[in-house]
Amino acid sequence: MKKNLIISVVLLLIGGTSAFAQAQKIGYVDSQVILTQYPAAIKAQGDLDALTNLWSAKLDSMSSAYQQA
């Protein structure tokens, strides 16, 4: 029983690694192109910029209130 289990595990490992080695492909994605051309990414960037500007204005307001106090 133990011998059969060991043989089964070894065969699975050998078969799995050879299948993985054959199916492996390498590529690249230019994410900057996606971010500049995909409408959802453009909208998300605009929303993020608006939120950043809002937080920056709030921080400036809080800083000046702190300095006056």
Protein backbone atom coordinates (compact mmCIF):
# COMPACT_ATOMS: atom_id res chain seq x y z
CA MET A 1 0.00 0.00 0.00
CA LYS A 2 2.71 2.46 0.98
CA LYS A 3 4.79 1.46 -2.02
CA ASN A 4 1.86 2.07 -4.39
CA LEU A 5 1.26 5.50 -2.85
CA ILE A 6 4.90 6.51 -3.32
CA ILE A 7 4.91 5.31 -6.92
CA SER A 8 1.68 7.21 -7.62
CA VAL A 9 3.07 10.43 -6.14
CA VAL A 10 6.30 10.12 -8.13
CA LEU A 11 4.41 9.50 -11.38
CA LEU A 12 2.15 12.51 -10.73
CA LEU A 13 5.13 14.75 -10.09
CA ILE A 14 6.94 13.60 -13.21
CA GLY A 15 3.87 13.98 -15.41
CA GLY A 16 2.93 17.35 -13.93
CA THR A 17 6.34 18.93 -14.39
CA SER A 18 6.71 17.83 -18.00
CA ALA A 19 3.25 19.16 -18.87
CA PHE A 20 4.04 22.45 -17.15
CA ALA A 21 7.35 22.85 -18.96
CA GLN A 22 5.71 22.37 -22.35
CA ALA A 23 2.81 24.75 -21.70
CA GLN A 24 4.89 27.62 -20.33
CA LYS A 25 4.87 30.77 -22.45
CA ILE A 26 6.40 34.15 -21.76
CA GLY A 27 5.04 37.48 -22.92
CA TYR A 28 4.74 41.08 -21.88
CA VAL A 29 2.01 43.68 -21.62
CA ASP A 30 2.54 47.40 -22.08
CA SER A 31 0.30 48.57 -19.25
CA GLN A 32 0.86 52.23 -20.10
CA VAL A 33 -0.90 51.73 -23.44
CA ILE A 34 -3.81 50.02 -21.71
CA LEU A 35 -4.11 52.81 -19.13
CA THR A 36 -4.11 55.53 -21.79
CA GLN A 37 -6.54 53.88 -24.24
CA TYR A 38 -9.02 51.88 -22.11
CA PRO A 39 -12.06 54.09 -21.30
CA ALA A 40 -12.64 52.55 -17.87
CA ALA A 41 -9.00 53.18 -16.92
CA ILE A 42 -9.23 56.79 -18.13
CA LYS A 43 -12.38 57.34 -16.03
CA ALA A 44 -10.78 55.70 -12.99
CA GLN A 45 -7.70 57.92 -13.36
CA GLY A 46 -9.93 61.01 -13.57
CA ASP A 47 -11.85 59.95 -10.46
CA LEU A 48 -8.59 59.32 -8.64
CA ASP A 49 -7.22 62.72 -9.64
CA ALA A 50 -10.41 64.46 -8.45
CA LEU A 51 -10.27 62.65 -5.13
CA THR A 52 -6.58 63.50 -4.73
CA ASN A 53 -7.28 67.17 -5.40
CA LEU A 54 -10.11 67.12 -2.86
CA TRP A 55 -7.90 65.57 -0.20
CA SER A 56 -5.09 67.98 -0.98
CA ALA A 57 -7.41 70.97 -0.59
CA LYS A 58 -8.73 69.57 2.69
CA LEU A 59 -5.17 69.03 3.95
CA ASP A 60 -4.23 72.61 3.05
CA SER A 61 -7.33 73.89 4.85
CA MET A 62 -6.56 71.84 7.94
CA SER A 63 -2.92 72.95 7.92
CA SER A 64 -3.82 76.63 7.76
CA ALA A 65 -6.42 76.17 10.54
CA TYR A 66 -3.80 74.45 12.67
CA GLN A 67 -1.25 77.22 12.07
CA GLN A 68 -3.79 79.89 12.97
CA ALA A 69 -4.65 78.08 16.19
